[in-house]
Amino acid sequence: MEYIIKGIIHDSENHPLSNITINAFDKDPLSSNLLVTSTSDTAGKFEMTFSEEQYNLFRVEGKPEVYLVIYDEEGKFLSVKDKQRYYERGIDFHGNTVWTGNVIENISDLDKYNITAVT
């Protein structure tokens, strides 16, 4: 089975944000696995595809527990949110600012993600 994550990232005035890196992870009890990476286009749109084999190698999991991580390479975001809630601000191991979302509650919502980054 294949999953497609589609969405748009924009600022609080609804202007698209281009060249923003977005990673999708599958949350597991002991760790998280990177599923796919994308970069927003000039319209702020992004699309990522991953398969069941990427998160369920041993065929023991049900649906993926997907969450998104937004990279704020310029450190200009004050907050990031989607329709579920606000993302948590953090620093990756390279010292870059990242914004981590919550596990997507309804896996069928993967194809219509709307993310707002307040600058």
PDB file of N, CA and C in Angstrom:
ATOM      1  N   MET A   1       0.838  -1.178   0.000  1.00  0.00           N
ATOM      2  CA  MET A   1       0.000   0.000   0.000  1.00  0.00           C
ATOM      3  C   MET A   1       0.886   1.245   0.000  1.00  0.00           C
ATOM      4  N   GLU A   2       0.472   2.248  -0.754  1.00  0.00           N
ATOM      5  CA  GLU A   2       1.188   3.518  -0.800  1.00  0.00           C
ATOM      6  C   GLU A   2       0.372   4.609  -0.134  1.00  0.00           C
ATOM      7  N   TYR A   3       1.086   5.511   0.514  1.00  0.00           N
ATOM      8  CA  TYR A   3       0.478   6.668   1.144  1.00  0.00           C
ATOM      9  C   TYR A   3       1.055   7.914   0.486  1.00  0.00           C
ATOM     10  N   ILE A   4       0.214   8.914   0.314  1.00  0.00           N
ATOM     11  CA  ILE A   4       0.656  10.184  -0.263  1.00  0.00           C
ATOM     12  C   ILE A   4       0.321  11.297   0.725  1.00  0.00           C
ATOM     13  N   ILE A   5       1.325  12.087   1.058  1.00  0.00           N
ATOM     14  CA  ILE A   5       1.129  13.254   1.905  1.00  0.00           C
ATOM     15  C   ILE A   5       1.219  14.463   0.989  1.00  0.00           C
ATOM     16  N   LYS A   6       0.141  15.229   0.913  1.00  0.00           N
ATOM     17  CA  LYS A   6       0.104  16.448   0.114  1.00  0.00           C
ATOM     18  C   LYS A   6      -0.271  17.593   1.024  1.00  0.00           C
ATOM     19  N   GLY A   7       0.308  18.736   0.764  1.00  0.00           N
ATOM     20  CA  GLY A   7      -0.066  19.883   1.576  1.00  0.00           C
ATOM     21  C   GLY A   7       0.505  21.167   1.046  1.00  0.00           C
ATOM     22  N   ILE A   8       0.302  22.192   1.833  1.00  0.00           N
ATOM     23  CA  ILE A   8       0.808  23.516   1.511  1.00  0.00           C
ATOM     24  C   ILE A   8       1.307  24.145   2.804  1.00  0.00           C
ATOM     25  N   ILE A   9       2.385  24.907   2.689  1.00  0.00           N
ATOM     26  CA  ILE A   9       2.902  25.653   3.830  1.00  0.00           C
ATOM     27  C   ILE A   9       2.917  27.126   3.445  1.00  0.00           C
ATOM     28  N   HIS A  10       2.385  27.944   4.345  1.00  0.00           N
ATOM     29  CA  HIS A  10       2.261  29.373   4.061  1.00  0.00           C
ATOM     30  C   HIS A  10       2.449  30.154   5.355  1.00  0.00           C
ATOM     31  N   ASP A  11       2.599  31.471   5.224  1.00  0.00           N
ATOM     32  CA  ASP A  11       2.725  32.308   6.412  1.00  0.00           C
ATOM     33  C   ASP A  11       1.338  32.704   6.907  1.00  0.00           C
ATOM     34  N   SER A  12       1.286  33.476   7.967  1.00  0.00           N
ATOM     35  CA  SER A  12       0.008  33.828   8.578  1.00  0.00           C
ATOM     36  C   SER A  12      -0.835  34.761   7.708  1.00  0.00           C
ATOM     37  N   GLU A  13      -0.224  35.354   6.679  1.00  0.00           N
ATOM     38  CA  GLU A  13      -0.968  36.179   5.736  1.00  0.00           C
ATOM     39  C   GLU A  13      -1.314  35.401   4.471  1.00  0.00           C
ATOM     40  N   ASN A  14      -1.167  34.091   4.540  1.00  0.00           N
ATOM     41  CA  ASN A  14      -1.496  33.153   3.460  1.00  0.00           C
ATOM     42  C   ASN A  14      -0.576  33.271   2.247  1.00  0.00           C
ATOM     43  N   HIS A  15       0.628  33.816   2.420  1.00  0.00           N
ATOM     44  CA  HIS A  15       1.625  33.827   1.348  1.00  0.00           C
ATOM     45  C   HIS A  15       2.369  32.497   1.369  1.00  0.00           C
ATOM     46  N   PRO A  16       2.534  31.863   0.226  1.00  0.00           N
ATOM     47  CA  PRO A  16       3.227  30.567   0.203  1.00  0.00           C
ATOM     48  C   PRO A  16       4.680  30.702   0.634  1.00  0.00           C
ATOM     49  N   LEU A  17       5.178  29.660   1.300  1.00  0.00           N
ATOM     50  CA  LEU A  17       6.582  29.593   1.700  1.00  0.00           C
ATOM     51  C   LEU A  17       7.260  28.530   0.845  1.00  0.00           C
ATOM     52  N   SER A  18       8.233  28.956   0.044  1.00  0.00           N
ATOM     53  CA  SER A  18       8.919  28.015  -0.843  1.00  0.00           C
ATOM     54  C   SER A  18      10.239  27.580  -0.231  1.00  0.00           C
ATOM     55  N   ASN A  19      10.731  26.470  -0.731  1.00  0.00           N
ATOM     56  CA  ASN A  19      12.035  25.920  -0.354  1.00  0.00           C
ATOM     57  C   ASN A  19      12.114  25.580   1.136  1.00  0.00           C
ATOM     58  N   ILE A  20      11.002  25.121   1.709  1.00  0.00           N
ATOM     59  CA  ILE A  20      10.957  24.677   3.099  1.00  0.00           C
ATOM     60  C   ILE A  20      11.038  23.152   3.096  1.00  0.00           C
ATOM     61  N   THR A  21      11.958  22.602   3.880  1.00  0.00           N
ATOM     62  CA  THR A  21      12.132  21.146   3.955  1.00  0.00           C
ATOM     63  C   THR A  21      11.141  20.571   4.962  1.00  0.00           C
ATOM     64  N   ILE A  22      10.452  19.518   4.529  1.00  0.00           N
ATOM     65  CA  ILE A  22       9.469  18.833   5.358  1.00  0.00           C
ATOM     66  C   ILE A  22       9.820  17.354   5.363  1.00  0.00           C
ATOM     67  N   ASN A  23       9.960  16.777   6.544  1.00  0.00           N
ATOM     68  CA  ASN A  23      10.209  15.346   6.679  1.00  0.00           C
ATOM     69  C   ASN A  23       8.991  14.682   7.300  1.00  0.00           C
ATOM     70  N   ALA A  24       8.687  13.474   6.856  1.00  0.00           N
ATOM     71  CA  ALA A  24       7.628  12.672   7.459  1.00  0.00           C
ATOM     72  C   ALA A  24       8.287  11.493   8.164  1.00  0.00           C
ATOM     73  N   PHE A  25       7.896  11.279   9.409  1.00  0.00           N
ATOM     74  CA  PHE A  25       8.427  10.188  10.216  1.00  0.00           C
ATOM     75  C   PHE A  25       7.299   9.276  10.650  1.00  0.00           C
ATOM     76  N   ASP A  26       7.645   8.010  10.907  1.00  0.00           N
ATOM     77  CA  ASP A  26       6.728   7.060  11.524  1.00  0.00           C
ATOM     78  C   ASP A  26       7.181   6.887  12.968  1.00  0.00           C
ATOM     79  N   LYS A  27       6.276   7.127  13.894  1.00  0.00           N
ATOM     80  CA  LYS A  27       6.602   7.018  15.315  1.00  0.00           C
ATOM     81  C   LYS A  27       6.462   5.569  15.767  1.00  0.00           C
ATOM     82  N   ASP A  28       7.506   5.061  16.371  1.00  0.00           N
ATOM     83  CA  ASP A  28       7.512   3.719  16.941  1.00  0.00           C
ATOM     84  C   ASP A  28       7.781   3.832  18.435  1.00  0.00           C
ATOM     85  N   PRO A  29       7.492   2.789  19.209  1.00  0.00           N
ATOM     86  CA  PRO A  29       7.684   2.880  20.659  1.00  0.00           C
ATOM     87  C   PRO A  29       9.113   3.251  21.085  1.00  0.00           C
ATOM     88  N   LEU A  30      10.117   2.766  20.392  1.00  0.00           N
ATOM     89  CA  LEU A  30      11.493   3.026  20.795  1.00  0.00           C
ATOM     90  C   LEU A  30      12.189   4.113  19.993  1.00  0.00           C
ATOM     91  N   SER A  31      11.704   4.378  18.800  1.00  0.00           N
ATOM     92  CA  SER A  31      12.356   5.375  17.949  1.00  0.00           C
ATOM     93  C   SER A  31      11.378   5.845  16.880  1.00  0.00           C
ATOM     94  N   SER A  32      11.895   6.693  16.003  1.00  0.00           N
ATOM     95  CA  SER A  32      11.103   7.152  14.863  1.00  0.00           C
ATOM     96  C   SER A  32      11.898   6.911  13.599  1.00  0.00           C
ATOM     97  N   ASN A  33      11.208   6.538  12.540  1.00  0.00           N
ATOM     98  CA  ASN A  33      11.858   6.237  11.281  1.00  0.00           C
ATOM     99  C   ASN A  33      11.499   7.289  10.245  1.00  0.00           C
ATOM    100  N   LEU A  34      12.518   7.848   9.579  1.00  0.00           N
ATOM    101  CA  LEU A  34      12.274   8.781   8.489  1.00  0.00           C
ATOM    102  C   LEU A  34      11.635   8.028   7.333  1.00  0.00           C
ATOM    103  N   LEU A  35      10.495   8.519   6.883  1.00  0.00           N
ATOM    104  CA  LEU A  35       9.794   7.898   5.761  1.00  0.00           C
ATOM    105  C   LEU A  35      10.143   8.577   4.446  1.00  0.00           C
ATOM    106  N   VAL A  36      10.086   9.908   4.423  1.00  0.00           N
ATOM    107  CA  VAL A  36      10.265  10.633   3.173  1.00  0.00           C
ATOM    108  C   VAL A  36      10.528  12.110   3.476  1.00  0.00           C
ATOM    109  N   THR A  37      11.217  12.755   2.541  1.00  0.00           N
ATOM    110  CA  THR A  37      11.541  14.175   2.640  1.00  0.00           C
ATOM    111  C   THR A  37      11.036  14.890   1.394  1.00  0.00           C
ATOM    112  N   SER A  38      10.599  16.129   1.582  1.00  0.00           N
ATOM    113  CA  SER A  38      10.156  16.942   0.458  1.00  0.00           C
ATOM    114  C   SER A  38      10.547  18.390   0.719  1.00  0.00           C
ATOM    115  N   THR A  39      10.494  19.185  -0.326  1.00  0.00           N
ATOM    116  CA  THR A  39      10.732  20.618  -0.230  1.00  0.00           C
ATOM    117  C   THR A  39       9.558  21.328  -0.899  1.00  0.00           C
ATOM    118  N   SER A  40       9.046  22.355  -0.250  1.00  0.00           N
ATOM    119  CA  SER A  40       7.907  23.075  -0.823  1.00  0.00           C
ATOM    120  C   SER A  40       8.321  23.822  -2.091  1.00  0.00           C
ATOM    121  N   ASP A  41       7.402  23.882  -3.042  1.00  0.00           N
ATOM    122  CA  ASP A  41       7.673  24.572  -4.305  1.00  0.00           C
ATOM    123  C   ASP A  41       7.335  26.061  -4.172  1.00  0.00           C
ATOM    124  N   THR A  42       7.377  26.785  -5.262  1.00  0.00           N
ATOM    125  CA  THR A  42       7.142  28.240  -5.218  1.00  0.00           C
ATOM    126  C   THR A  42       5.722  28.589  -4.774  1.00  0.00           C
ATOM    127  N   ALA A  43       4.786  27.662  -4.897  1.00  0.00           N
ATOM    128  CA  ALA A  43       3.411  27.879  -4.441  1.00  0.00           C
ATOM    129  C   ALA A  43       3.219  27.378  -3.008  1.00  0.00           C
ATOM    130  N   GLY A  44       4.309  26.936  -2.359  1.00  0.00           N
ATOM    131  CA  GLY A  44       4.234  26.424  -1.007  1.00  0.00           C
ATOM    132  C   GLY A  44       3.759  24.988  -0.909  1.00  0.00           C
ATOM    133  N   LYS A  45       3.529  24.347  -2.051  1.00  0.00           N
ATOM    134  CA  LYS A  45       2.997  22.980  -2.060  1.00  0.00           C
ATOM    135  C   LYS A  45       4.117  21.955  -1.916  1.00  0.00           C
ATOM    136  N   PHE A  46       3.764  20.846  -1.275  1.00  0.00           N
ATOM    137  CA  PHE A  46       4.687  19.720  -1.153  1.00  0.00           C
ATOM    138  C   PHE A  46       3.915  18.426  -1.322  1.00  0.00           C
ATOM    139  N   GLU A  47       4.616  17.394  -1.755  1.00  0.00           N
ATOM    140  CA  GLU A  47       4.020  16.075  -1.931  1.00  0.00           C
ATOM    141  C   GLU A  47       5.065  15.030  -1.618  1.00  0.00           C
ATOM    142  N   MET A  48       4.672  14.025  -0.842  1.00  0.00           N
ATOM    143  CA  MET A  48       5.576  12.943  -0.452  1.00  0.00           C
ATOM    144  C   MET A  48       4.830  11.618  -0.562  1.00  0.00           C
ATOM    145  N   THR A  49       5.515  10.614  -1.033  1.00  0.00           N
ATOM    146  CA  THR A  49       4.927   9.285  -1.156  1.00  0.00           C
ATOM    147  C   THR A  49       5.788   8.290  -0.400  1.00  0.00           C
ATOM    148  N   PHE A  50       5.143   7.405   0.353  1.00  0.00           N
ATOM    149  CA  PHE A  50       5.873   6.317   1.008  1.00  0.00           C
ATOM    150  C   PHE A  50       5.007   5.065   0.976  1.00  0.00           C
ATOM    151  N   SER A  51       5.665   3.927   1.131  1.00  0.00           N
ATOM    152  CA  SER A  51       4.956   2.656   1.044  1.00  0.00           C
ATOM    153  C   SER A  51       4.923   1.959   2.401  1.00  0.00           C
ATOM    154  N   GLU A  52       4.081   0.978   2.510  1.00  0.00           N
ATOM    155  CA  GLU A  52       3.954   0.205   3.746  1.00  0.00           C
ATOM    156  C   GLU A  52       5.273  -0.454   4.129  1.00  0.00           C
ATOM    157  N   GLU A  53       6.062  -0.862   3.149  1.00  0.00           N
ATOM    158  CA  GLU A  53       7.343  -1.510   3.428  1.00  0.00           C
ATOM    159  C   GLU A  53       8.307  -0.595   4.177  1.00  0.00           C
ATOM    160  N   GLN A  54       8.148   0.725   4.043  1.00  0.00           N
ATOM    161  CA  GLN A  54       9.047   1.674   4.693  1.00  0.00           C
ATOM    162  C   GLN A  54       8.805   1.781   6.200  1.00  0.00           C
ATOM    163  N   TYR A  55       7.608   1.500   6.654  1.00  0.00           N
ATOM    164  CA  TYR A  55       7.337   1.600   8.090  1.00  0.00           C
ATOM    165  C   TYR A  55       6.959   0.259   8.710  1.00  0.00           C
ATOM    166  N   ASN A  56       6.665  -0.730   7.907  1.00  0.00           N
ATOM    167  CA  ASN A  56       6.167  -2.008   8.405  1.00  0.00           C
ATOM    168  C   ASN A  56       6.936  -3.164   7.786  1.00  0.00           C
ATOM    169  N   LEU A  57       8.250  -3.120   7.927  1.00  0.00           N
ATOM    170  CA  LEU A  57       9.130  -4.101   7.296  1.00  0.00           C
ATOM    171  C   LEU A  57       8.794  -5.534   7.702  1.00  0.00           C
ATOM    172  N   PHE A  58       8.452  -5.741   8.971  1.00  0.00           N
ATOM    173  CA  PHE A  58       8.192  -7.093   9.476  1.00  0.00           C
ATOM    174  C   PHE A  58       6.715  -7.448   9.515  1.00  0.00           C
ATOM    175  N   ARG A  59       5.880  -6.574   8.940  1.00  0.00           N
ATOM    176  CA  ARG A  59       4.431  -6.812   8.848  1.00  0.00           C
ATOM    177  C   ARG A  59       3.774  -7.025  10.217  1.00  0.00           C
ATOM    178  N   VAL A  60       4.196  -6.254  11.210  1.00  0.00           N
ATOM    179  CA  VAL A  60       3.611  -6.374  12.544  1.00  0.00           C
ATOM    180  C   VAL A  60       2.846  -5.110  12.956  1.00  0.00           C
ATOM    181  N   GLU A  61       2.989  -4.035  12.195  1.00  0.00           N
ATOM    182  CA  GLU A  61       2.309  -2.785  12.534  1.00  0.00           C
ATOM    183  C   GLU A  61       1.010  -2.667  11.758  1.00  0.00           C
ATOM    184  N   GLY A  62       0.120  -1.864  12.270  1.00  0.00           N
ATOM    185  CA  GLY A  62      -1.109  -1.539  11.553  1.00  0.00           C
ATOM    186  C   GLY A  62      -0.842  -0.351  10.654  1.00  0.00           C
ATOM    187  N   LYS A  63      -1.585   0.702  10.869  1.00  0.00           N
ATOM    188  CA  LYS A  63      -1.397   1.922  10.090  1.00  0.00           C
ATOM    189  C   LYS A  63      -0.183   2.688  10.596  1.00  0.00           C
ATOM    190  N   PRO A  64       0.440   3.469   9.730  1.00  0.00           N
ATOM    191  CA  PRO A  64       1.592   4.257  10.186  1.00  0.00           C
ATOM    192  C   PRO A  64       1.153   5.365  11.128  1.00  0.00           C
ATOM    193  N   GLU A  65       2.025   5.702  12.058  1.00  0.00           N
ATOM    194  CA  GLU A  65       1.798   6.821  12.966  1.00  0.00           C
ATOM    195  C   GLU A  65       2.703   7.952  12.490  1.00  0.00           C
ATOM    196  N   VAL A  66       2.187   8.727  11.548  1.00  0.00           N
ATOM    197  CA  VAL A  66       2.980   9.721  10.831  1.00  0.00           C
ATOM    198  C   VAL A  66       2.941  11.070  11.537  1.00  0.00           C
ATOM    199  N   TYR A  67       4.103  11.699  11.626  1.00  0.00           N
ATOM    200  CA  TYR A  67       4.174  13.083  12.058  1.00  0.00           C
ATOM    201  C   TYR A  67       5.169  13.811  11.163  1.00  0.00           C
ATOM    202  N   LEU A  68       5.002  15.132  11.067  1.00  0.00           N
ATOM    203  CA  LEU A  68       5.837  15.936  10.188  1.00  0.00           C
ATOM    204  C   LEU A  68       6.820  16.774  10.992  1.00  0.00           C
ATOM    205  N   VAL A  69       7.993  17.004  10.395  1.00  0.00           N
ATOM    206  CA  VAL A  69       9.005  17.883  10.959  1.00  0.00           C
ATOM    207  C   VAL A  69       9.325  18.934   9.899  1.00  0.00           C
ATOM    208  N   ILE A  70       9.181  20.202  10.275  1.00  0.00           N
ATOM    209  CA  ILE A  70       9.435  21.329   9.374  1.00  0.00           C
ATOM    210  C   ILE A  70      10.779  21.927   9.747  1.00  0.00           C
ATOM    211  N   TYR A  71      11.636  22.112   8.766  1.00  0.00           N
ATOM    212  CA  TYR A  71      12.958  22.705   9.013  1.00  0.00           C
ATOM    213  C   TYR A  71      12.895  24.209   8.782  1.00  0.00           C
ATOM    214  N   ASP A  72      13.319  24.950   9.797  1.00  0.00           N
ATOM    215  CA  ASP A  72      13.325  26.407   9.789  1.00  0.00           C
ATOM    216  C   ASP A  72      14.788  26.849   9.694  1.00  0.00           C
ATOM    217  N   GLU A  73      15.376  26.655   8.525  1.00  0.00           N
ATOM    218  CA  GLU A  73      16.811  26.866   8.344  1.00  0.00           C
ATOM    219  C   GLU A  73      17.244  28.307   8.598  1.00  0.00           C
ATOM    220  N   GLU A  74      16.354  29.260   8.386  1.00  0.00           N
ATOM    221  CA  GLU A  74      16.689  30.664   8.616  1.00  0.00           C
ATOM    222  C   GLU A  74      16.290  31.128  10.018  1.00  0.00           C
ATOM    223  N   GLY A  75      15.638  30.272  10.791  1.00  0.00           N
ATOM    224  CA  GLY A  75      15.233  30.617  12.146  1.00  0.00           C
ATOM    225  C   GLY A  75      14.234  31.759  12.211  1.00  0.00           C
ATOM    226  N   LYS A  76      13.353  31.848  11.209  1.00  0.00           N
ATOM    227  CA  LYS A  76      12.436  32.993  11.139  1.00  0.00           C
ATOM    228  C   LYS A  76      11.021  32.695  11.624  1.00  0.00           C
ATOM    229  N   PHE A  77      10.705  31.453  11.950  1.00  0.00           N
ATOM    230  CA  PHE A  77       9.344  31.123  12.380  1.00  0.00           C
ATOM    231  C   PHE A  77       9.183  31.387  13.875  1.00  0.00           C
ATOM    232  N   LEU A  78       8.078  32.025  14.233  1.00  0.00           N
ATOM    233  CA  LEU A  78       7.731  32.234  15.639  1.00  0.00           C
ATOM    234  C   LEU A  78       6.890  31.073  16.162  1.00  0.00           C
ATOM    235  N   SER A  79       6.096  30.500  15.269  1.00  0.00           N
ATOM    236  CA  SER A  79       5.300  29.322  15.597  1.00  0.00           C
ATOM    237  C   SER A  79       4.900  28.629  14.299  1.00  0.00           C
ATOM    238  N   VAL A  80       4.532  27.361  14.423  1.00  0.00           N
ATOM    239  CA  VAL A  80       4.062  26.565  13.284  1.00  0.00           C
ATOM    240  C   VAL A  80       2.864  25.768  13.774  1.00  0.00           C
ATOM    241  N   LYS A  81       1.807  25.722  12.958  1.00  0.00           N
ATOM    242  CA  LYS A  81       0.629  24.957  13.356  1.00  0.00           C
ATOM    243  C   LYS A  81      -0.043  24.360  12.119  1.00  0.00           C
ATOM    244  N   ASP A  82      -0.810  23.318  12.364  1.00  0.00           N
ATOM    245  CA  ASP A  82      -1.680  22.754  11.342  1.00  0.00           C
ATOM    246  C   ASP A  82      -3.087  22.737  11.933  1.00  0.00           C
ATOM    247  N   LYS A  83      -4.009  22.035  11.307  1.00  0.00           N
ATOM    248  CA  LYS A  83      -5.389  22.070  11.794  1.00  0.00           C
ATOM    249  C   LYS A  83      -5.569  21.332  13.121  1.00  0.00           C
ATOM    250  N   GLN A  84      -4.611  20.466  13.479  1.00  0.00           N
ATOM    251  CA  GLN A  84      -4.711  19.740  14.742  1.00  0.00           C
ATOM    252  C   GLN A  84      -4.241  20.597  15.918  1.00  0.00           C
ATOM    253  N   ARG A  85      -3.019  21.149  15.803  1.00  0.00           N
ATOM    254  CA  ARG A  85      -2.458  21.942  16.902  1.00  0.00           C
ATOM    255  C   ARG A  85      -1.111  22.512  16.517  1.00  0.00           C
ATOM    256  N   TYR A  86      -0.481  23.193  17.485  1.00  0.00           N
ATOM    257  CA  TYR A  86       0.823  23.800  17.264  1.00  0.00           C
ATOM    258  C   TYR A  86       1.926  22.752  17.271  1.00  0.00           C
ATOM    259  N   TYR A  87       2.978  23.053  16.512  1.00  0.00           N
ATOM    260  CA  TYR A  87       4.166  22.202  16.470  1.00  0.00           C
ATOM    261  C   TYR A  87       5.108  22.611  17.604  1.00  0.00           C
ATOM    262  N   GLU A  88       5.965  21.671  18.012  1.00  0.00           N
ATOM    263  CA  GLU A  88       6.927  21.939  19.079  1.00  0.00           C
ATOM    264  C   GLU A  88       8.262  22.358  18.476  1.00  0.00           C
ATOM    265  N   ARG A  89       8.799  23.461  18.975  1.00  0.00           N
ATOM    266  CA  ARG A  89      10.083  23.973  18.493  1.00  0.00           C
ATOM    267  C   ARG A  89      11.218  23.182  19.129  1.00  0.00           C
ATOM    268  N   GLY A  90      12.239  22.883  18.319  1.00  0.00           N
ATOM    269  CA  GLY A  90      13.408  22.171  18.823  1.00  0.00           C
ATOM    270  C   GLY A  90      14.629  22.474  17.986  1.00  0.00           C
ATOM    271  N   ILE A  91      15.727  21.856  18.331  1.00  0.00           N
ATOM    272  CA  ILE A  91      16.989  22.011  17.617  1.00  0.00           C
ATOM    273  C   ILE A  91      17.456  20.620  17.205  1.00  0.00           C
ATOM    274  N   ASP A  92      17.836  20.442  15.933  1.00  0.00           N
ATOM    275  CA  ASP A  92      18.353  19.137  15.506  1.00  0.00           C
ATOM    276  C   ASP A  92      19.830  19.018  15.862  1.00  0.00           C
ATOM    277  N   PHE A  93      20.435  17.881  15.556  1.00  0.00           N
ATOM    278  CA  PHE A  93      21.833  17.636  15.939  1.00  0.00           C
ATOM    279  C   PHE A  93      22.823  18.479  15.150  1.00  0.00           C
ATOM    280  N   HIS A  94      22.368  19.215  14.135  1.00  0.00           N
ATOM    281  CA  HIS A  94      23.224  20.145  13.391  1.00  0.00           C
ATOM    282  C   HIS A  94      23.060  21.579  13.888  1.00  0.00           C
ATOM    283  N   GLY A  95      22.185  21.779  14.866  1.00  0.00           N
ATOM    284  CA  GLY A  95      21.942  23.117  15.404  1.00  0.00           C
ATOM    285  C   GLY A  95      20.865  23.892  14.677  1.00  0.00           C
ATOM    286  N   ASN A  96      20.138  23.245  13.765  1.00  0.00           N
ATOM    287  CA  ASN A  96      19.064  23.908  13.020  1.00  0.00           C
ATOM    288  C   ASN A  96      17.759  23.877  13.815  1.00  0.00           C
ATOM    289  N   THR A  97      16.957  24.916  13.649  1.00  0.00           N
ATOM    290  CA  THR A  97      15.641  24.955  14.275  1.00  0.00           C
ATOM    291  C   THR A  97      14.689  24.063  13.493  1.00  0.00           C
ATOM    292  N   VAL A  98      13.967  23.210  14.209  1.00  0.00           N
ATOM    293  CA  VAL A  98      12.965  22.335  13.603  1.00  0.00           C
ATOM    294  C   VAL A  98      11.667  22.459  14.385  1.00  0.00           C
ATOM    295  N   TRP A  99      10.571  22.221  13.699  1.00  0.00           N
ATOM    296  CA  TRP A  99       9.242  22.256  14.299  1.00  0.00           C
ATOM    297  C   TRP A  99       8.603  20.891  14.096  1.00  0.00           C
ATOM    298  N   THR A 100       8.274  20.205  15.200  1.00  0.00           N
ATOM    299  CA  THR A 100       7.768  18.836  15.151  1.00  0.00           C
ATOM    300  C   THR A 100       6.274  18.819  15.454  1.00  0.00           C
ATOM    301  N   GLY A 101       5.526  18.228  14.528  1.00  0.00           N
ATOM    302  CA  GLY A 101       4.085  18.107  14.700  1.00  0.00           C
ATOM    303  C   GLY A 101       3.723  16.870  15.491  1.00  0.00           C
ATOM    304  N   ASN A 102       2.461  16.752  15.806  1.00  0.00           N
ATOM    305  CA  ASN A 102       1.935  15.584  16.496  1.00  0.00           C
ATOM    306  C   ASN A 102       1.603  14.498  15.478  1.00  0.00           C
ATOM    307  N   VAL A 103       1.421  13.295  15.967  1.00  0.00           N
ATOM    308  CA  VAL A 103       1.006  12.202  15.088  1.00  0.00           C
ATOM    309  C   VAL A 103      -0.332  12.588  14.460  1.00  0.00           C
ATOM    310  N   ILE A 104      -0.409  12.414  13.162  1.00  0.00           N
ATOM    311  CA  ILE A 104      -1.634  12.749  12.432  1.00  0.00           C
ATOM    312  C   ILE A 104      -2.742  11.804  12.886  1.00  0.00           C
ATOM    313  N   GLU A 105      -3.808  12.386  13.414  1.00  0.00           N
ATOM    314  CA  GLU A 105      -4.869  11.595  14.036  1.00  0.00           C
ATOM    315  C   GLU A 105      -5.603  10.693  13.048  1.00  0.00           C
ATOM    316  N   ASN A 106      -5.940  11.219  11.892  1.00  0.00           N
ATOM    317  CA  ASN A 106      -6.689  10.449  10.913  1.00  0.00           C
ATOM    318  C   ASN A 106      -5.808  10.250   9.682  1.00  0.00           C
ATOM    319  N   ILE A 107      -5.367   9.053   9.455  1.00  0.00           N
ATOM    320  CA  ILE A 107      -4.434   8.761   8.366  1.00  0.00           C
ATOM    321  C   ILE A 107      -5.016   9.167   7.007  1.00  0.00           C
ATOM    322  N   SER A 108      -6.342   9.254   6.885  1.00  0.00           N
ATOM    323  CA  SER A 108      -6.947   9.668   5.614  1.00  0.00           C
ATOM    324  C   SER A 108      -6.747  11.165   5.361  1.00  0.00           C
ATOM    325  N   ASP A 109      -6.283  11.923   6.368  1.00  0.00           N
ATOM    326  CA  ASP A 109      -6.018  13.349   6.198  1.00  0.00           C
ATOM    327  C   ASP A 109      -4.657  13.628   5.581  1.00  0.00           C
ATOM    328  N   LEU A 110      -3.898  12.604   5.241  1.00  0.00           N
ATOM    329  CA  LEU A 110      -2.550  12.803   4.717  1.00  0.00           C
ATOM    330  C   LEU A 110      -2.519  13.554   3.400  1.00  0.00           C
ATOM    331  N   ASP A 111      -3.612  13.573   2.680  1.00  0.00           N
ATOM    332  CA  ASP A 111      -3.573  14.174   1.340  1.00  0.00           C
ATOM    333  C   ASP A 111      -4.016  15.643   1.317  1.00  0.00           C
ATOM    334  N   LYS A 112      -4.190  16.271   2.466  1.00  0.00           N
ATOM    335  CA  LYS A 112      -4.688  17.653   2.459  1.00  0.00           C
ATOM    336  C   LYS A 112      -4.169  18.431   3.671  1.00  0.00           C
ATOM    337  N   TYR A 113      -2.886  18.480   3.808  1.00  0.00           N
ATOM    338  CA  TYR A 113      -2.285  19.126   4.964  1.00  0.00           C
ATOM    339  C   TYR A 113      -2.050  20.599   4.725  1.00  0.00           C
ATOM    340  N   ASN A 114      -2.504  21.428   5.656  1.00  0.00           N
ATOM    341  CA  ASN A 114      -2.384  22.876   5.565  1.00  0.00           C
ATOM    342  C   ASN A 114      -1.585  23.332   6.779  1.00  0.00           C
ATOM    343  N   ILE A 115      -0.386  23.873   6.541  1.00  0.00           N
ATOM    344  CA  ILE A 115       0.515  24.274   7.626  1.00  0.00           C
ATOM    345  C   ILE A 115       0.731  25.777   7.562  1.00  0.00           C
ATOM    346  N   THR A 116       0.594  26.434   8.712  1.00  0.00           N
ATOM    347  CA  THR A 116       0.828  27.862   8.816  1.00  0.00           C
ATOM    348  C   THR A 116       2.059  28.110   9.671  1.00  0.00           C
ATOM    349  N   ALA A 117       3.014  28.877   9.141  1.00  0.00           N
ATOM    350  CA  ALA A 117       4.206  29.266   9.887  1.00  0.00           C
ATOM    351  C   ALA A 117       4.121  30.769  10.124  1.00  0.00           C
ATOM    352  N   VAL A 118       4.074  31.163  11.371  1.00  0.00           N
ATOM    353  CA  VAL A 118       4.017  32.572  11.726  1.00  0.00           C
ATOM    354  C   VAL A 118       5.437  33.103  11.741  1.00  0.00           C
ATOM    355  N   THR A 119       5.678  34.177  10.963  1.00  0.00           N
ATOM    356  CA  THR A 119       7.029  34.755  10.891  1.00  0.00           C
ATOM    357  C   THR A 119       7.071  36.106  11.568  1.00  0.00           C
TER     358      THR A 119
END
